[in-house]
Each structure stands twice: as C-alpha cells, then as structure tokens.
C-alpha cells in the first residue's frame, strides 16, 4: 500500500524526523522516520529496534539513497518516549501496542516489519496477534521469544543455564543501576573507545565509528536501572508458535553473536513455512559491522515480498 504523508515532525535531526505518538494506554512515544520530506521512493518498513537503541544504530538506513522508508519509535522511557503510568507495562505485548500505534499514526495499513535483537520478539508477536498488519518479517540478530535462553550462544550453555545467568545478571544491574548511571553517562565515547569495544569480541569492527559512537552515547543516556527493568519484563516473553505464521521471513544471524545465538535463529527459520536463513561473520551488531550486506539482503527480501504480493506497492 502507499503510506500517507508523514505527520508534521516535532524535530528534525540530520535526515531524521521525530514526532510524538500516543499508544493505546496513553503513553507518549517518540516516533521517527528517515524520510522527513517524503522524498524516498521505495517501500515502507516498520523497524522494531533493539531494546533501548536508536536510529544511529542503522547506518545504511540513514543514507539518503537507501531506497527504504523507515518508521519506528523509541521504547517506553527511552530517547524522549515517556514512561507509562503503570511502570510494569513495558513488556513485548505493550511494545506490540506501540508498533500498531506507530503504524496508525503514519497511515500505514500493513508493512514489512524488521526487528533487531529484542525487537525481533516484538515483530513476530505483532505478526502472531495482527497478521493483517505484517507483510513480511526481517529478523536481524534476534530470536522470536524466550530470548534470554538463547544468549551466550558461543559458550554452548544449556538453555536453562543461559537464562539463569542472563536474568540473574540483569537483576543485579537493575538493583545497582542508580549508582552506575552517573558513571556511564560520563563515559568518553569517541573513536578511541569504539576502537576498543569493536575489538573486544562483544562487538567487531564497525563501518562507521563516528555513527557508532553517537548510537552508544545515546544508548547510555537511559538510566541503567530503567533499562534492565525493561529487559527483565521482556525476558518473560515466551517462544512463539512459528508454524502458525504465514508471513514470509528472513533471518540474518551473526556467527559470533553472544546475545542471540545463530543456532537458535537457524532452528527458528526451520520451523516456519517460508523462511530464509543467512549467517554473517558478525556479532550482535551485524547492521553496524556489515551495513551494506544487511541492507542488500533487506532490499532483496522486500523485492521478494512485493512479487509474492502481486506487485502491490508498499
């Protein structure tokens, strides 16, 4: 379908337009698009971003000639989005409500939905609950449900041990978050810091160190205790029955990903009727390390979805 023109933005920042959206429960969300002037000639994609992350984690989508119009939003209590009146309404089900509100706000009936990390949970839950809104699913470094059991994949831990370790660590960081936040907000994040992080094994060398620095600096602006409150609520999201989903899907995994195991992404693809799996030599941040490759795969998938839809414009 052809999306309606973007609403008047509340702010424009280097090719991005930000606007406020109300979710179903009245929570104010900071939504954004990479097409502030409505000039991108290409399909529209709803991005369900990684937990607490921001547009600058997607360098290829910030290029003026990327050929994809993206609409997305910042999570509750993150990046200008308000915290809900009920602080526990921050799970995957609430993120699905937010995704629908963003689609409605931008006048989009249905779209290909792309998820990264925990955003994959949101994307697939949206497809399960509201299949009419989802034309295809593009998953980057994330599994559709029970995510914490798939973390630490390269260590080959049993699922129960991985979940026990990661949930326990999240609880500790939530408790100590208020003391840590003033420190993390003052961390010097520049090219030198990115060089260190990108050779740590947790992240591999990135294509654009300056953009990565901005993405990390923005990420660290979220209070640590709030971030891990979000993480613990999303950890409750169970595995989705993928065999019941009819939307075509594409899984892009990172071979060295410690937060979303490549093996679990592969088995998720195998449980779907129409899914493709690709593994890249990347970490959890594949779209920052291999932006051109991930973007090429996205464009190929969008073309495939358009053909399967009978050539309808998106």
C-alpha atoms as a PDB file:
ATOM      1  CA  UNK A   1       0.000   0.000   0.000  1.00  0.00           C
ATOM      2  CA  UNK A   2       1.047   3.630  -0.345  1.00  0.00           C
ATOM      3  CA  UNK A   3       1.633   5.235   3.029  1.00  0.00           C
ATOM      4  CA  UNK A   4       0.108   8.564   3.942  1.00  0.00           C
ATOM      5  CA  UNK A   5       2.420  11.578   4.155  1.00  0.00           C
ATOM      6  CA  UNK A   6       4.377  11.799   7.400  1.00  0.00           C
ATOM      7  CA  UNK A   7       2.816  13.918  10.161  1.00  0.00           C
ATOM      8  CA  UNK A   8       4.434  17.260  10.976  1.00  0.00           C
ATOM      9  CA  UNK A   9       7.601  16.439  12.948  1.00  0.00           C
ATOM     10  CA  UNK A  10       8.416  17.890  16.338  1.00  0.00           C
ATOM     11  CA  UNK A  11      12.130  17.863  15.462  1.00  0.00           C
ATOM     12  CA  UNK A  12      14.430  17.149  12.517  1.00  0.00           C
ATOM     13  CA  UNK A  13      17.960  15.870  13.086  1.00  0.00           C
ATOM     14  CA  UNK A  14      20.305  15.161  10.155  1.00  0.00           C
ATOM     15  CA  UNK A  15      17.787  13.463   7.902  1.00  0.00           C
ATOM     16  CA  UNK A  16      15.583  12.076  10.678  1.00  0.00           C
ATOM     17  CA  UNK A  17      12.198  13.433  11.711  1.00  0.00           C
ATOM     18  CA  UNK A  18      10.879  12.821  15.228  1.00  0.00           C
ATOM     19  CA  UNK A  19       7.241  13.149  16.215  1.00  0.00           C
ATOM     20  CA  UNK A  20       5.073  12.251  19.211  1.00  0.00           C
ATOM     21  CA  UNK A  21       2.614   9.353  19.090  1.00  0.00           C
ATOM     22  CA  UNK A  22       0.121   8.215  21.728  1.00  0.00           C
ATOM     23  CA  UNK A  23      -0.084   4.492  22.354  1.00  0.00           C
ATOM     24  CA  UNK A  24      -3.333   2.755  23.304  1.00  0.00           C
ATOM     25  CA  UNK A  25      -2.790   3.253  27.043  1.00  0.00           C
ATOM     26  CA  UNK A  26      -1.972   6.963  26.641  1.00  0.00           C
ATOM     27  CA  UNK A  27       1.812   6.601  26.852  1.00  0.00           C
ATOM     28  CA  UNK A  28       3.553   9.242  24.733  1.00  0.00           C
ATOM     29  CA  UNK A  29       6.095   7.729  22.347  1.00  0.00           C
ATOM     30  CA  UNK A  30       8.837   9.442  20.386  1.00  0.00           C
ATOM     31  CA  UNK A  31       8.441   8.060  16.864  1.00  0.00           C
ATOM     32  CA  UNK A  32      10.829   8.713  13.990  1.00  0.00           C
ATOM     33  CA  UNK A  33      11.290   8.280  10.267  1.00  0.00           C
ATOM     34  CA  UNK A  34      14.272   8.514   7.934  1.00  0.00           C
ATOM     35  CA  UNK A  35      12.096  10.318   5.371  1.00  0.00           C
ATOM     36  CA  UNK A  36      11.210  13.735   6.855  1.00  0.00           C
ATOM     37  CA  UNK A  37      10.420  15.302   3.469  1.00  0.00           C
ATOM     38  CA  UNK A  38       8.640  12.341   1.889  1.00  0.00           C
ATOM     39  CA  UNK A  39      11.262  12.008  -0.847  1.00  0.00           C
ATOM     40  CA  UNK A  40      12.262   8.332  -0.529  1.00  0.00           C
ATOM     41  CA  UNK A  41      10.944   6.343  -3.463  1.00  0.00           C
ATOM     42  CA  UNK A  42      10.705   2.860  -2.048  1.00  0.00           C
ATOM     43  CA  UNK A  43       8.799   0.505   0.245  1.00  0.00           C
ATOM     44  CA  UNK A  44       7.945   1.361   3.845  1.00  0.00           C
ATOM     45  CA  UNK A  45       9.364  -0.773   6.652  1.00  0.00           C
ATOM     46  CA  UNK A  46       8.366  -0.718  10.307  1.00  0.00           C
ATOM     47  CA  UNK A  47      11.501  -1.115  12.424  1.00  0.00           C
ATOM     48  CA  UNK A  48      11.169  -2.732  15.848  1.00  0.00           C
ATOM     49  CA  UNK A  49      14.542  -1.681  17.182  1.00  0.00           C
ATOM     50  CA  UNK A  50      16.816  -3.306  19.725  1.00  0.00           C
ATOM     51  CA  UNK A  51      15.848  -2.630  23.328  1.00  0.00           C
ATOM     52  CA  UNK A  52      16.760   0.939  24.277  1.00  0.00           C
ATOM     53  CA  UNK A  53      18.528   1.616  20.979  1.00  0.00           C
ATOM     54  CA  UNK A  54      18.125   4.419  18.448  1.00  0.00           C
ATOM     55  CA  UNK A  55      18.223   5.291  14.708  1.00  0.00           C
ATOM     56  CA  UNK A  56      22.005   5.758  14.662  1.00  0.00           C
ATOM     57  CA  UNK A  57      22.467   2.005  15.035  1.00  0.00           C
ATOM     58  CA  UNK A  58      21.356   1.671  11.387  1.00  0.00           C
ATOM     59  CA  UNK A  59      23.910   3.471   9.183  1.00  0.00           C
ATOM     60  CA  UNK A  60      22.595   2.136   5.869  1.00  0.00           C
ATOM     61  CA  UNK A  61      19.069   3.397   6.618  1.00  0.00           C
ATOM     62  CA  UNK A  62      20.393   6.914   7.212  1.00  0.00           C
ATOM     63  CA  UNK A  63      21.744   7.216   3.668  1.00  0.00           C
ATOM     64  CA  UNK A  64      19.508   9.487   1.512  1.00  0.00           C
ATOM     65  CA  UNK A  65      19.524   6.939  -1.314  1.00  0.00           C
ATOM     66  CA  UNK A  66      18.813   3.873   0.860  1.00  0.00           C
ATOM     67  CA  UNK A  67      15.578   3.203  -1.035  1.00  0.00           C
ATOM     68  CA  UNK A  68      13.602   2.258   2.098  1.00  0.00           C
ATOM     69  CA  UNK A  69      11.273   4.484   4.076  1.00  0.00           C
ATOM     70  CA  UNK A  70      11.530   3.531   7.742  1.00  0.00           C
ATOM     71  CA  UNK A  71       9.123   4.338  10.557  1.00  0.00           C
ATOM     72  CA  UNK A  72       9.988   3.414  14.129  1.00  0.00           C
ATOM     73  CA  UNK A  73       9.849   4.618  17.723  1.00  0.00           C
ATOM     74  CA  UNK A  74      11.899   4.734  20.912  1.00  0.00           C
ATOM     75  CA  UNK A  75      10.927   2.371  23.703  1.00  0.00           C
ATOM     76  CA  UNK A  76       8.957   3.495  26.724  1.00  0.00           C
ATOM     77  CA  UNK A  77      11.096   5.693  28.953  1.00  0.00           C
ATOM     78  CA  UNK A  78      13.874   5.879  26.347  1.00  0.00           C
ATOM     79  CA  UNK A  79      15.015   8.632  23.977  1.00  0.00           C
ATOM     80  CA  UNK A  80      12.192  11.086  24.575  1.00  0.00           C
ATOM     81  CA  UNK A  81       9.424   8.491  24.997  1.00  0.00           C
ATOM     82  CA  UNK A  82       7.565   8.754  28.320  1.00  0.00           C
ATOM     83  CA  UNK A  83       7.408   6.064  30.952  1.00  0.00           C
ATOM     84  CA  UNK A  84       3.923   4.539  31.259  1.00  0.00           C
ATOM     85  CA  UNK A  85       1.697   5.360  34.227  1.00  0.00           C
ATOM     86  CA  UNK A  86       1.984   1.685  35.185  1.00  0.00           C
ATOM     87  CA  UNK A  87       5.751   1.072  35.153  1.00  0.00           C
ATOM     88  CA  UNK A  88       5.187  -2.629  34.513  1.00  0.00           C
ATOM     89  CA  UNK A  89       3.529  -2.003  31.134  1.00  0.00           C
ATOM     90  CA  UNK A  90       6.843  -2.360  29.336  1.00  0.00           C
ATOM     91  CA  UNK A  91       6.750  -5.921  28.020  1.00  0.00           C
ATOM     92  CA  UNK A  92       6.565  -7.286  24.489  1.00  0.00           C
ATOM     93  CA  UNK A  93       2.757  -7.105  24.479  1.00  0.00           C
ATOM     94  CA  UNK A  94       2.923  -3.362  25.202  1.00  0.00           C
ATOM     95  CA  UNK A  95       5.588  -2.909  22.523  1.00  0.00           C
ATOM     96  CA  UNK A  96       3.182  -4.544  20.061  1.00  0.00           C
ATOM     97  CA  UNK A  97       0.560  -1.949  21.045  1.00  0.00           C
ATOM     98  CA  UNK A  98       3.166   0.730  20.401  1.00  0.00           C
ATOM     99  CA  UNK A  99       4.027  -0.737  16.990  1.00  0.00           C
ATOM    100  CA  UNK A 100       0.373  -0.628  15.960  1.00  0.00           C
ATOM    101  CA  UNK A 101       0.039   2.951  17.203  1.00  0.00           C
ATOM    102  CA  UNK A 102       3.050   3.996  15.118  1.00  0.00           C
ATOM    103  CA  UNK A 103       1.631   2.300  12.011  1.00  0.00           C
ATOM    104  CA  UNK A 104      -1.711   4.028  12.558  1.00  0.00           C
ATOM    105  CA  UNK A 105      -0.069   7.404  13.158  1.00  0.00           C
ATOM    106  CA  UNK A 106       1.818   7.222   9.865  1.00  0.00           C
ATOM    107  CA  UNK A 107      -1.245   5.953   7.980  1.00  0.00           C
ATOM    108  CA  UNK A 108       0.201   2.514   7.219  1.00  0.00           C
ATOM    109  CA  UNK A 109      -2.208  -0.413   6.993  1.00  0.00           C
ATOM    110  CA  UNK A 110       0.477  -3.091   6.598  1.00  0.00           C
ATOM    111  CA  UNK A 111       4.211  -3.275   6.021  1.00  0.00           C
ATOM    112  CA  UNK A 112       7.250  -5.473   6.121  1.00  0.00           C
ATOM    113  CA  UNK A 113       8.373  -5.452   9.756  1.00  0.00           C
ATOM    114  CA  UNK A 114      12.058  -5.554  10.596  1.00  0.00           C
ATOM    115  CA  UNK A 115      13.318  -6.429  14.058  1.00  0.00           C
ATOM    116  CA  UNK A 116      16.732  -6.313  15.647  1.00  0.00           C
ATOM    117  CA  UNK A 117      17.645  -8.067  18.890  1.00  0.00           C
ATOM    118  CA  UNK A 118      14.682  -7.878  21.295  1.00  0.00           C
ATOM    119  CA  UNK A 119      12.780  -6.114  18.508  1.00  0.00           C
ATOM    120  CA  UNK A 120      12.527  -9.489  16.773  1.00  0.00           C
ATOM    121  CA  UNK A 121      10.240 -10.585  19.629  1.00  0.00           C
ATOM    122  CA  UNK A 122       8.040  -7.546  19.024  1.00  0.00           C
ATOM    123  CA  UNK A 123       7.941  -8.075  15.258  1.00  0.00           C
ATOM    124  CA  UNK A 124       6.949 -11.731  15.468  1.00  0.00           C
ATOM    125  CA  UNK A 125       4.421 -11.146  18.249  1.00  0.00           C
ATOM    126  CA  UNK A 126       2.852  -8.437  16.070  1.00  0.00           C
ATOM    127  CA  UNK A 127       2.614 -10.958  13.226  1.00  0.00           C
ATOM    128  CA  UNK A 128       1.059 -13.551  15.536  1.00  0.00           C
ATOM    129  CA  UNK A 129      -1.565 -11.208  17.015  1.00  0.00           C
ATOM    130  CA  UNK A 130      -2.221  -8.969  14.000  1.00  0.00           C
ATOM    131  CA  UNK A 131      -1.220 -10.841  10.825  1.00  0.00           C
ATOM    132  CA  UNK A 132      -3.101  -8.349   8.644  1.00  0.00           C
ATOM    133  CA  UNK A 133      -0.560  -5.662   9.558  1.00  0.00           C
ATOM    134  CA  UNK A 134       2.532  -7.688   8.614  1.00  0.00           C
ATOM    135  CA  UNK A 135       3.530  -8.459   5.010  1.00  0.00           C
ATOM    136  CA  UNK A 136       6.896  -9.935   5.865  1.00  0.00           C
ATOM    137  CA  UNK A 137       9.388 -10.354   8.726  1.00  0.00           C
ATOM    138  CA  UNK A 138      13.066  -9.443   8.516  1.00  0.00           C
ATOM    139  CA  UNK A 139      14.898 -10.531  11.682  1.00  0.00           C
ATOM    140  CA  UNK A 140      18.415  -9.330  12.471  1.00  0.00           C
ATOM    141  CA  UNK A 141      20.314 -10.965  15.342  1.00  0.00           C
ATOM    142  CA  UNK A 142      17.270 -11.901  17.377  1.00  0.00           C
ATOM    143  CA  UNK A 143      15.006 -14.845  18.135  1.00  0.00           C
ATOM    144  CA  UNK A 144      11.199 -14.801  18.355  1.00  0.00           C
ATOM    145  CA  UNK A 145      10.669 -15.430  22.052  1.00  0.00           C
ATOM    146  CA  UNK A 146      12.459 -16.797  25.128  1.00  0.00           C
ATOM    147  CA  UNK A 147      15.428 -14.642  24.135  1.00  0.00           C
ATOM    148  CA  UNK A 148      17.374 -14.895  27.390  1.00  0.00           C
ATOM    149  CA  UNK A 149      17.634 -18.684  26.998  1.00  0.00           C
ATOM    150  CA  UNK A 150      19.475 -18.220  23.697  1.00  0.00           C
ATOM    151  CA  UNK A 151      22.067 -15.731  24.966  1.00  0.00           C
ATOM    152  CA  UNK A 152      25.733 -16.671  25.420  1.00  0.00           C
ATOM    153  CA  UNK A 153      25.354 -18.953  22.398  1.00  0.00           C
ATOM    154  CA  UNK A 154      29.106 -19.245  21.622  1.00  0.00           C
ATOM    155  CA  UNK A 155      29.595 -20.711  25.117  1.00  0.00           C
ATOM    156  CA  UNK A 156      27.223 -23.598  24.259  1.00  0.00           C
ATOM    157  CA  UNK A 157      25.456 -23.438  27.618  1.00  0.00           C
ATOM    158  CA  UNK A 158      22.205 -25.368  28.177  1.00  0.00           C
ATOM    159  CA  UNK A 159      19.184 -23.107  27.677  1.00  0.00           C
ATOM    160  CA  UNK A 160      18.282 -23.176  31.383  1.00  0.00           C
ATOM    161  CA  UNK A 161      21.816 -22.174  32.366  1.00  0.00           C
ATOM    162  CA  UNK A 162      21.949 -19.335  29.846  1.00  0.00           C
ATOM    163  CA  UNK A 163      18.616 -17.995  31.088  1.00  0.00           C
ATOM    164  CA  UNK A 164      19.608 -18.311  34.758  1.00  0.00           C
ATOM    165  CA  UNK A 165      22.865 -16.453  34.113  1.00  0.00           C
ATOM    166  CA  UNK A 166      21.484 -13.623  31.983  1.00  0.00           C
ATOM    167  CA  UNK A 167      18.332 -12.983  34.011  1.00  0.00           C
ATOM    168  CA  UNK A 168      20.383 -13.050  37.220  1.00  0.00           C
ATOM    169  CA  UNK A 169      22.879 -10.550  35.801  1.00  0.00           C
ATOM    170  CA  UNK A 170      20.008  -8.291  34.700  1.00  0.00           C
ATOM    171  CA  UNK A 171      18.550  -8.302  38.216  1.00  0.00           C
ATOM    172  CA  UNK A 172      21.900  -7.332  39.700  1.00  0.00           C
ATOM    173  CA  UNK A 173      22.339  -4.491  37.210  1.00  0.00           C
ATOM    174  CA  UNK A 174      18.801  -3.268  37.815  1.00  0.00           C
ATOM    175  CA  UNK A 175      19.480  -3.077  41.558  1.00  0.00           C
ATOM    176  CA  UNK A 176      22.771  -1.270  41.091  1.00  0.00           C
ATOM    177  CA  UNK A 177      21.625   0.830  38.179  1.00  0.00           C
ATOM    178  CA  UNK A 178      21.070   4.094  40.021  1.00  0.00           C
ATOM    179  CA  UNK A 179      24.640   4.093  41.273  1.00  0.00           C
ATOM    180  CA  UNK A 180      26.046   3.144  37.854  1.00  0.00           C
ATOM    181  CA  UNK A 181      24.075   5.617  35.708  1.00  0.00           C
ATOM    182  CA  UNK A 182      26.078   8.760  36.618  1.00  0.00           C
ATOM    183  CA  UNK A 183      29.236   6.876  35.667  1.00  0.00           C
ATOM    184  CA  UNK A 184      28.002   5.500  32.338  1.00  0.00           C
ATOM    185  CA  UNK A 185      26.660   8.895  31.299  1.00  0.00           C
ATOM    186  CA  UNK A 186      30.119  10.410  31.768  1.00  0.00           C
ATOM    187  CA  UNK A 187      31.983   7.752  29.809  1.00  0.00           C
ATOM    188  CA  UNK A 188      34.015   9.280  26.958  1.00  0.00           C
ATOM    189  CA  UNK A 189      32.551   7.735  23.813  1.00  0.00           C
ATOM    190  CA  UNK A 190      34.605   8.548  20.730  1.00  0.00           C
ATOM    191  CA  UNK A 191      36.653   6.865  18.040  1.00  0.00           C
ATOM    192  CA  UNK A 192      39.197   5.526  20.540  1.00  0.00           C
ATOM    193  CA  UNK A 193      36.510   3.967  22.747  1.00  0.00           C
ATOM    194  CA  UNK A 194      34.790   2.470  19.705  1.00  0.00           C
ATOM    195  CA  UNK A 195      38.123   1.000  18.619  1.00  0.00           C
ATOM    196  CA  UNK A 196      38.478  -0.736  21.980  1.00  0.00           C
ATOM    197  CA  UNK A 197      34.894  -2.009  22.087  1.00  0.00           C
ATOM    198  CA  UNK A 198      34.978  -3.217  18.481  1.00  0.00           C
ATOM    199  CA  UNK A 199      37.982  -5.421  19.216  1.00  0.00           C
ATOM    200  CA  UNK A 200      36.536  -6.867  22.414  1.00  0.00           C
ATOM    201  CA  UNK A 201      34.722  -9.796  20.812  1.00  0.00           C
ATOM    202  CA  UNK A 202      31.388  -8.438  22.029  1.00  0.00           C
ATOM    203  CA  UNK A 203      31.390  -6.097  19.012  1.00  0.00           C
ATOM    204  CA  UNK A 204      33.534  -6.443  15.883  1.00  0.00           C
ATOM    205  CA  UNK A 205      34.997  -3.543  13.847  1.00  0.00           C
ATOM    206  CA  UNK A 206      32.211  -1.268  12.597  1.00  0.00           C
ATOM    207  CA  UNK A 207      31.833   0.500   9.259  1.00  0.00           C
ATOM    208  CA  UNK A 208      31.239   3.980  10.706  1.00  0.00           C
ATOM    209  CA  UNK A 209      32.943   4.589  14.083  1.00  0.00           C
ATOM    210  CA  UNK A 210      31.542   8.114  14.443  1.00  0.00           C
ATOM    211  CA  UNK A 211      27.941   6.986  13.937  1.00  0.00           C
ATOM    212  CA  UNK A 212      28.531   4.050  16.273  1.00  0.00           C
ATOM    213  CA  UNK A 213      29.826   6.449  18.920  1.00  0.00           C
ATOM    214  CA  UNK A 214      26.653   8.503  18.617  1.00  0.00           C
ATOM    215  CA  UNK A 215      24.493   5.370  18.867  1.00  0.00           C
ATOM    216  CA  UNK A 216      26.299   4.201  22.023  1.00  0.00           C
ATOM    217  CA  UNK A 217      26.290   7.644  23.626  1.00  0.00           C
ATOM    218  CA  UNK A 218      22.540   7.920  23.079  1.00  0.00           C
ATOM    219  CA  UNK A 219      22.058   4.380  24.418  1.00  0.00           C
ATOM    220  CA  UNK A 220      23.965   5.258  27.605  1.00  0.00           C
ATOM    221  CA  UNK A 221      21.632   8.212  28.259  1.00  0.00           C
ATOM    222  CA  UNK A 222      18.991   5.756  29.500  1.00  0.00           C
ATOM    223  CA  UNK A 223      19.188   5.100  33.266  1.00  0.00           C
ATOM    224  CA  UNK A 224      20.711   1.664  33.856  1.00  0.00           C
ATOM    225  CA  UNK A 225      18.029   0.628  36.355  1.00  0.00           C
ATOM    226  CA  UNK A 226      15.241   1.518  33.903  1.00  0.00           C
ATOM    227  CA  UNK A 227      16.933  -0.287  31.034  1.00  0.00           C
ATOM    228  CA  UNK A 228      17.232  -3.516  33.000  1.00  0.00           C
ATOM    229  CA  UNK A 229      13.676  -3.109  34.247  1.00  0.00           C
ATOM    230  CA  UNK A 230      12.658  -3.195  30.570  1.00  0.00           C
ATOM    231  CA  UNK A 231      14.953  -6.145  29.941  1.00  0.00           C
ATOM    232  CA  UNK A 232      13.508  -8.207  32.784  1.00  0.00           C
ATOM    233  CA  UNK A 233       9.958  -7.577  31.623  1.00  0.00           C
ATOM    234  CA  UNK A 234      10.826  -8.609  28.068  1.00  0.00           C
ATOM    235  CA  UNK A 235      12.549 -11.738  29.403  1.00  0.00           C
ATOM    236  CA  UNK A 236       9.074 -13.037  30.288  1.00  0.00           C
ATOM    237  CA  UNK A 237       8.110 -13.302  26.616  1.00  0.00           C
ATOM    238  CA  UNK A 238       7.719 -16.985  25.721  1.00  0.00           C
ATOM    239  CA  UNK A 239       8.553 -18.678  22.431  1.00  0.00           C
ATOM    240  CA  UNK A 240       6.113 -18.031  19.594  1.00  0.00           C
ATOM    241  CA  UNK A 241       4.480 -20.846  17.621  1.00  0.00           C
ATOM    242  CA  UNK A 242       6.153 -20.077  14.310  1.00  0.00           C
ATOM    243  CA  UNK A 243       4.409 -22.789  12.312  1.00  0.00           C
ATOM    244  CA  UNK A 244       1.195 -20.751  12.522  1.00  0.00           C
ATOM    245  CA  UNK A 245       2.719 -17.643  10.915  1.00  0.00           C
ATOM    246  CA  UNK A 246       2.040 -17.175   7.213  1.00  0.00           C
ATOM    247  CA  UNK A 247       4.185 -14.118   6.511  1.00  0.00           C
ATOM    248  CA  UNK A 248       7.464 -14.782   4.670  1.00  0.00           C
ATOM    249  CA  UNK A 249      10.533 -14.306   6.848  1.00  0.00           C
ATOM    250  CA  UNK A 250      14.250 -13.711   6.532  1.00  0.00           C
ATOM    251  CA  UNK A 251      16.722 -14.317   9.377  1.00  0.00           C
ATOM    252  CA  UNK A 252      20.141 -12.621   9.439  1.00  0.00           C
ATOM    253  CA  UNK A 253      22.357 -14.068  12.174  1.00  0.00           C
ATOM    254  CA  UNK A 254      25.802 -13.134  13.463  1.00  0.00           C
ATOM    255  CA  UNK A 255      28.206 -16.039  13.764  1.00  0.00           C
ATOM    256  CA  UNK A 256      29.840 -14.532  16.861  1.00  0.00           C
ATOM    257  CA  UNK A 257      26.690 -13.146  18.478  1.00  0.00           C
ATOM    258  CA  UNK A 258      26.637 -13.627  22.268  1.00  0.00           C
ATOM    259  CA  UNK A 259      23.141 -12.118  22.730  1.00  0.00           C
ATOM    260  CA  UNK A 260      21.111 -14.046  20.135  1.00  0.00           C
ATOM    261  CA  UNK A 261      22.504 -17.435  19.215  1.00  0.00           C
ATOM    262  CA  UNK A 262      22.922 -18.129  15.500  1.00  0.00           C
ATOM    263  CA  UNK A 263      21.916 -21.751  16.075  1.00  0.00           C
ATOM    264  CA  UNK A 264      18.599 -20.706  17.603  1.00  0.00           C
ATOM    265  CA  UNK A 265      17.902 -18.338  14.715  1.00  0.00           C
ATOM    266  CA  UNK A 266      18.541 -21.163  12.271  1.00  0.00           C
ATOM    267  CA  UNK A 267      16.132 -23.520  14.040  1.00  0.00           C
ATOM    268  CA  UNK A 268      13.523 -20.730  14.171  1.00  0.00           C
ATOM    269  CA  UNK A 269      13.751 -20.361  10.398  1.00  0.00           C
ATOM    270  CA  UNK A 270      13.349 -24.118  10.001  1.00  0.00           C
ATOM    271  CA  UNK A 271      10.093 -24.011  11.977  1.00  0.00           C
ATOM    272  CA  UNK A 272       8.483 -21.571   9.519  1.00  0.00           C
ATOM    273  CA  UNK A 273       6.755 -22.378   6.240  1.00  0.00           C
ATOM    274  CA  UNK A 274       8.557 -19.733   4.201  1.00  0.00           C
ATOM    275  CA  UNK A 275      11.810 -18.516   5.721  1.00  0.00           C
ATOM    276  CA  UNK A 276      15.395 -17.910   4.653  1.00  0.00           C
ATOM    277  CA  UNK A 277      18.415 -18.019   6.959  1.00  0.00           C
ATOM    278  CA  UNK A 278      21.759 -16.278   6.365  1.00  0.00           C
ATOM    279  CA  UNK A 279      24.723 -16.210   8.750  1.00  0.00           C
ATOM    280  CA  UNK A 280      27.241 -13.371   8.512  1.00  0.00           C
ATOM    281  CA  UNK A 281      30.715 -13.184  10.105  1.00  0.00           C
ATOM    282  CA  UNK A 282      29.433 -10.605  12.585  1.00  0.00           C
ATOM    283  CA  UNK A 283      28.475 -10.077  16.212  1.00  0.00           C
ATOM    284  CA  UNK A 284      25.135  -8.930  17.624  1.00  0.00           C
ATOM    285  CA  UNK A 285      25.678  -5.635  15.795  1.00  0.00           C
ATOM    286  CA  UNK A 286      25.662  -7.016  12.251  1.00  0.00           C
ATOM    287  CA  UNK A 287      23.931  -3.972  10.731  1.00  0.00           C
ATOM    288  CA  UNK A 288      26.692  -1.716  12.130  1.00  0.00           C
ATOM    289  CA  UNK A 289      29.558  -4.008  11.145  1.00  0.00           C
ATOM    290  CA  UNK A 290      28.206  -5.145   7.773  1.00  0.00           C
ATOM    291  CA  UNK A 291      25.693  -2.406   6.867  1.00  0.00           C
ATOM    292  CA  UNK A 292      25.912  -2.875   3.101  1.00  0.00           C
ATOM    293  CA  UNK A 293      25.429  -6.634   3.295  1.00  0.00           C
ATOM    294  CA  UNK A 294      22.474  -6.425   5.692  1.00  0.00           C
ATOM    295  CA  UNK A 295      20.892  -3.685   3.570  1.00  0.00           C
ATOM    296  CA  UNK A 296      21.351  -5.704   0.381  1.00  0.00           C
ATOM    297  CA  UNK A 297      19.596  -8.665   1.997  1.00  0.00           C
ATOM    298  CA  UNK A 298      16.764  -6.378   3.144  1.00  0.00           C
ATOM    299  CA  UNK A 299      16.271  -4.985  -0.371  1.00  0.00           C
ATOM    300  CA  UNK A 300      16.240  -8.491  -1.842  1.00  0.00           C
ATOM    301  CA  UNK A 301      13.650  -9.574   0.705  1.00  0.00           C
ATOM    302  CA  UNK A 302      11.470  -6.509   0.054  1.00  0.00           C
ATOM    303  CA  UNK A 303      11.543  -7.272  -3.671  1.00  0.00           C
ATOM    304  CA  UNK A 304      10.555 -10.874  -2.977  1.00  0.00           C
ATOM    305  CA  UNK A 305       7.639  -9.798  -0.783  1.00  0.00           C
ATOM    306  CA  UNK A 306       6.420  -7.371  -3.444  1.00  0.00           C
ATOM    307  CA  UNK A 307       6.469 -10.111  -6.050  1.00  0.00           C
ATOM    308  CA  UNK A 308       4.608 -12.530  -3.755  1.00  0.00           C
ATOM    309  CA  UNK A 309       2.036  -9.799  -3.108  1.00  0.00           C
ATOM    310  CA  UNK A 310       1.403  -9.494  -6.837  1.00  0.00           C
ATOM    311  CA  UNK A 311       3.450  -6.329  -7.320  1.00  0.00           C
ATOM    312  CA  UNK A 312       1.461  -4.175  -4.922  1.00  0.00           C
ATOM    313  CA  UNK A 313       3.249  -1.029  -3.825  1.00  0.00           C
ATOM    314  CA  UNK A 314       4.133  -0.812  -0.153  1.00  0.00           C
END
